[in-house]
Amino acid sequence: MTTERSLVLVKPDGFSRGLTGAVLARIERKGYRLVALEIRTPTRELLIQHYAEHEGKPFFEPLVAFMSSGPVTAVVIEGERCVEGFRSIAGATDPTKAAPGSIRGDFGRDFGHDVTQNVVHGSDSPESAAREVGLWFPGLT
């Protein structure tokens, strides 16, 4: 097995509701190691790079606006298959469809068709994780 790293973001809705500790506890209970952690309000420029593959889609501008609306907790986690594993504990993107026991299933709220406010972001592949970690934590090797 290969040890991976992944980027996890506790989004502004999760941060403002005080859910960072609960999210981190679930990550650690799963057996993943916290490698880096920072609280910050991301700039529009960082978010445009982070979500570059979605540029031009209808949800792109609202997503960038939401993600820059307040502090986020940015975390690099490490562990065996942690990209896939974190996405599993995060749950489905749509909080209403996320299974009970998942982060989004337990903490996500339904805002109609707006699924951007779903508490957390997790990298979707090892390749995306490497790119995202480099954007958010450029000094991390």
C-alpha atoms as a PDB file:
ATOM      1  CA  MET A   1       0.000   0.000   0.000  1.00  0.00           C
ATOM      2  CA  THR A   2       1.015   3.560  -0.645  1.00  0.00           C
ATOM      3  CA  THR A   3       0.767   6.343   1.885  1.00  0.00           C
ATOM      4  CA  GLU A   4      -1.050   9.307   0.385  1.00  0.00           C
ATOM      5  CA  ARG A   5      -1.676  12.889   1.323  1.00  0.00           C
ATOM      6  CA  SER A   6      -4.924  14.742   0.782  1.00  0.00           C
ATOM      7  CA  LEU A   7      -6.227  18.244   1.281  1.00  0.00           C
ATOM      8  CA  VAL A   8      -9.257  18.647   3.519  1.00  0.00           C
ATOM      9  CA  LEU A   9     -11.021  21.969   3.928  1.00  0.00           C
ATOM     10  CA  VAL A  10     -13.569  22.716   6.611  1.00  0.00           C
ATOM     11  CA  LYS A  11     -15.584  25.195   4.574  1.00  0.00           C
ATOM     12  CA  PRO A  12     -16.880  28.549   5.880  1.00  0.00           C
ATOM     13  CA  ASP A  13     -20.232  27.022   6.889  1.00  0.00           C
ATOM     14  CA  GLY A  14     -18.525  24.291   8.929  1.00  0.00           C
ATOM     15  CA  PHE A  15     -15.978  26.694  10.425  1.00  0.00           C
ATOM     16  CA  SER A  16     -18.616  29.250  11.453  1.00  0.00           C
ATOM     17  CA  ARG A  17     -20.661  26.512  13.131  1.00  0.00           C
ATOM     18  CA  GLY A  18     -17.670  25.328  15.185  1.00  0.00           C
ATOM     19  CA  LEU A  19     -17.373  21.944  13.444  1.00  0.00           C
ATOM     20  CA  THR A  20     -13.609  21.910  12.854  1.00  0.00           C
ATOM     21  CA  GLY A  21     -12.917  19.867  15.981  1.00  0.00           C
ATOM     22  CA  ALA A  22     -15.591  17.293  15.122  1.00  0.00           C
ATOM     23  CA  VAL A  23     -14.236  16.935  11.576  1.00  0.00           C
ATOM     24  CA  LEU A  24     -10.643  16.578  12.788  1.00  0.00           C
ATOM     25  CA  ALA A  25     -11.699  14.020  15.399  1.00  0.00           C
ATOM     26  CA  ARG A  26     -13.280  11.860  12.692  1.00  0.00           C
ATOM     27  CA  ILE A  27     -10.147  12.121  10.544  1.00  0.00           C
ATOM     28  CA  GLU A  28      -7.944  11.046  13.446  1.00  0.00           C
ATOM     29  CA  ARG A  29     -10.317   8.257  14.516  1.00  0.00           C
ATOM     30  CA  LYS A  30     -10.066   6.916  10.972  1.00  0.00           C
ATOM     31  CA  GLY A  31      -6.328   6.624  11.582  1.00  0.00           C
ATOM     32  CA  TYR A  32      -5.069   9.448   9.384  1.00  0.00           C
ATOM     33  CA  ARG A  33      -2.309  11.757  10.516  1.00  0.00           C
ATOM     34  CA  LEU A  34      -2.586  15.549  10.443  1.00  0.00           C
ATOM     35  CA  VAL A  35       0.465  16.868   8.586  1.00  0.00           C
ATOM     36  CA  ALA A  36      -0.396  20.582   8.339  1.00  0.00           C
ATOM     37  CA  LEU A  37      -3.227  22.788   9.564  1.00  0.00           C
ATOM     38  CA  GLU A  38      -4.003  26.450   9.029  1.00  0.00           C
ATOM     39  CA  ILE A  39      -7.016  28.685   9.519  1.00  0.00           C
ATOM     40  CA  ARG A  40      -7.398  31.386   6.897  1.00  0.00           C
ATOM     41  CA  THR A  41      -9.804  33.201   4.632  1.00  0.00           C
ATOM     42  CA  PRO A  42      -8.780  32.136   1.139  1.00  0.00           C
ATOM     43  CA  THR A  43      -8.257  34.732  -1.550  1.00  0.00           C
ATOM     44  CA  ARG A  44     -10.230  34.744  -4.766  1.00  0.00           C
ATOM     45  CA  GLU A  45      -6.980  34.069  -6.641  1.00  0.00           C
ATOM     46  CA  LEU A  46      -6.262  30.904  -4.634  1.00  0.00           C
ATOM     47  CA  LEU A  47      -9.815  29.663  -5.106  1.00  0.00           C
ATOM     48  CA  ILE A  48      -9.749  30.288  -8.860  1.00  0.00           C
ATOM     49  CA  GLN A  49      -6.635  28.086  -9.042  1.00  0.00           C
ATOM     50  CA  HIS A  50      -8.124  25.503  -6.685  1.00  0.00           C
ATOM     51  CA  TYR A  51     -11.389  25.179  -8.638  1.00  0.00           C
ATOM     52  CA  ALA A  52      -9.859  25.797 -12.113  1.00  0.00           C
ATOM     53  CA  GLU A  53     -11.475  22.691 -13.628  1.00  0.00           C
ATOM     54  CA  HIS A  54     -14.903  24.181 -12.885  1.00  0.00           C
ATOM     55  CA  GLU A  55     -14.283  27.614 -14.397  1.00  0.00           C
ATOM     56  CA  GLY A  56     -17.107  28.563 -16.762  1.00  0.00           C
ATOM     57  CA  LYS A  57     -19.654  26.288 -15.078  1.00  0.00           C
ATOM     58  CA  PRO A  58     -22.758  27.931 -13.572  1.00  0.00           C
ATOM     59  CA  PHE A  59     -21.767  27.136  -9.988  1.00  0.00           C
ATOM     60  CA  PHE A  60     -18.175  28.420 -10.290  1.00  0.00           C
ATOM     61  CA  GLU A  61     -18.700  32.068  -9.261  1.00  0.00           C
ATOM     62  CA  PRO A  62     -21.104  31.274  -6.384  1.00  0.00           C
ATOM     63  CA  LEU A  63     -18.657  28.628  -5.128  1.00  0.00           C
ATOM     64  CA  VAL A  64     -15.688  31.025  -5.193  1.00  0.00           C
ATOM     65  CA  ALA A  65     -17.783  33.722  -3.482  1.00  0.00           C
ATOM     66  CA  PHE A  66     -18.926  31.304  -0.769  1.00  0.00           C
ATOM     67  CA  MET A  67     -15.451  29.865  -0.154  1.00  0.00           C
ATOM     68  CA  SER A  68     -13.963  33.364   0.218  1.00  0.00           C
ATOM     69  CA  SER A  69     -16.779  34.543   2.526  1.00  0.00           C
ATOM     70  CA  GLY A  70     -15.035  33.585   5.756  1.00  0.00           C
ATOM     71  CA  PRO A  71     -12.363  31.474   7.403  1.00  0.00           C
ATOM     72  CA  VAL A  72     -11.735  27.873   6.456  1.00  0.00           C
ATOM     73  CA  THR A  73      -9.611  25.267   8.161  1.00  0.00           C
ATOM     74  CA  ALA A  74      -7.137  23.864   5.643  1.00  0.00           C
ATOM     75  CA  VAL A  75      -5.634  20.511   6.608  1.00  0.00           C
ATOM     76  CA  VAL A  76      -3.240  18.101   4.973  1.00  0.00           C
ATOM     77  CA  ILE A  77      -3.868  14.532   6.055  1.00  0.00           C
ATOM     78  CA  GLU A  78      -1.724  11.483   5.445  1.00  0.00           C
ATOM     79  CA  GLY A  79      -2.418   7.768   5.477  1.00  0.00           C
ATOM     80  CA  GLU A  80      -3.107   4.649   3.470  1.00  0.00           C
ATOM     81  CA  ARG A  81      -5.685   5.460   0.761  1.00  0.00           C
ATOM     82  CA  CYS A  82      -6.633   8.642   2.645  1.00  0.00           C
ATOM     83  CA  VAL A  83      -8.016  10.360  -0.474  1.00  0.00           C
ATOM     84  CA  GLU A  84     -10.656   7.665  -0.938  1.00  0.00           C
ATOM     85  CA  GLY A  85     -11.061   7.148   2.798  1.00  0.00           C
ATOM     86  CA  PHE A  86     -11.749  10.783   3.600  1.00  0.00           C
ATOM     87  CA  ARG A  87     -14.265  11.067   0.775  1.00  0.00           C
ATOM     88  CA  SER A  88     -16.026   8.071   2.277  1.00  0.00           C
ATOM     89  CA  ILE A  89     -16.292   9.598   5.754  1.00  0.00           C
ATOM     90  CA  ALA A  90     -17.249  12.973   4.222  1.00  0.00           C
ATOM     91  CA  GLY A  91     -20.292  11.473   2.512  1.00  0.00           C
ATOM     92  CA  ALA A  92     -22.145  12.456  -0.644  1.00  0.00           C
ATOM     93  CA  THR A  93     -21.717  16.028  -1.885  1.00  0.00           C
ATOM     94  CA  ASP A  94     -25.421  16.721  -1.399  1.00  0.00           C
ATOM     95  CA  PRO A  95     -25.942  16.773   2.394  1.00  0.00           C
ATOM     96  CA  THR A  96     -29.527  15.543   2.014  1.00  0.00           C
ATOM     97  CA  LYS A  97     -28.297  12.438   0.179  1.00  0.00           C
ATOM     98  CA  ALA A  98     -25.272  11.872   2.440  1.00  0.00           C
ATOM     99  CA  ALA A  99     -25.529   8.815   4.664  1.00  0.00           C
ATOM    100  CA  PRO A 100     -26.106   9.262   8.395  1.00  0.00           C
ATOM    101  CA  GLY A 101     -22.787   8.834  10.164  1.00  0.00           C
ATOM    102  CA  SER A 102     -20.874  10.710   7.454  1.00  0.00           C
ATOM    103  CA  ILE A 103     -19.673  14.268   8.062  1.00  0.00           C
ATOM    104  CA  ARG A 104     -22.112  15.746   5.550  1.00  0.00           C
ATOM    105  CA  GLY A 105     -24.904  13.394   6.605  1.00  0.00           C
ATOM    106  CA  ASP A 106     -24.553  14.434  10.245  1.00  0.00           C
ATOM    107  CA  PHE A 107     -23.624  18.114   9.889  1.00  0.00           C
ATOM    108  CA  GLY A 108     -24.682  19.238   6.403  1.00  0.00           C
ATOM    109  CA  ARG A 109     -27.781  21.345   5.912  1.00  0.00           C
ATOM    110  CA  ASP A 110     -30.096  21.483   2.936  1.00  0.00           C
ATOM    111  CA  PHE A 111     -30.086  24.827   1.118  1.00  0.00           C
ATOM    112  CA  GLY A 112     -32.158  23.707  -1.853  1.00  0.00           C
ATOM    113  CA  HIS A 113     -29.992  22.936  -4.833  1.00  0.00           C
ATOM    114  CA  ASP A 114     -26.928  24.749  -3.440  1.00  0.00           C
ATOM    115  CA  VAL A 115     -24.580  21.954  -2.433  1.00  0.00           C
ATOM    116  CA  THR A 116     -21.552  24.255  -2.021  1.00  0.00           C
ATOM    117  CA  GLN A 117     -22.386  24.682   1.675  1.00  0.00           C
ATOM    118  CA  ASN A 118     -21.655  21.075   2.582  1.00  0.00           C
ATOM    119  CA  VAL A 119     -19.196  21.510   5.480  1.00  0.00           C
ATOM    120  CA  VAL A 120     -16.052  19.966   3.920  1.00  0.00           C
ATOM    121  CA  HIS A 121     -13.972  19.586   0.790  1.00  0.00           C
ATOM    122  CA  GLY A 122     -11.706  16.602   0.175  1.00  0.00           C
ATOM    123  CA  SER A 123      -9.402  16.014  -2.772  1.00  0.00           C
ATOM    124  CA  ASP A 124     -10.971  13.672  -5.328  1.00  0.00           C
ATOM    125  CA  SER A 125      -7.837  11.843  -6.504  1.00  0.00           C
ATOM    126  CA  PRO A 126      -4.172  11.496  -5.554  1.00  0.00           C
ATOM    127  CA  GLU A 127      -3.312  13.763  -8.504  1.00  0.00           C
ATOM    128  CA  SER A 128      -5.762  16.458  -7.384  1.00  0.00           C
ATOM    129  CA  ALA A 129      -4.485  16.085  -3.830  1.00  0.00           C
ATOM    130  CA  ALA A 130      -0.901  16.765  -4.907  1.00  0.00           C
ATOM    131  CA  ARG A 131      -1.982  19.855  -6.859  1.00  0.00           C
ATOM    132  CA  GLU A 132      -4.249  21.155  -4.068  1.00  0.00           C
ATOM    133  CA  VAL A 133      -1.695  20.580  -1.296  1.00  0.00           C
ATOM    134  CA  GLY A 134       0.833  22.499  -3.407  1.00  0.00           C
ATOM    135  CA  LEU A 135      -1.575  25.423  -3.759  1.00  0.00           C
ATOM    136  CA  TRP A 136      -2.614  25.649  -0.114  1.00  0.00           C
ATOM    137  CA  PHE A 137       0.712  24.619   1.505  1.00  0.00           C
ATOM    138  CA  PRO A 138       3.448  25.464  -1.051  1.00  0.00           C
ATOM    139  CA  GLY A 139       6.281  24.868   1.438  1.00  0.00           C
ATOM    140  CA  LEU A 140       5.140  21.324   2.266  1.00  0.00           C
ATOM    141  CA  THR A 141       7.206  18.625   0.621  1.00  0.00           C
END
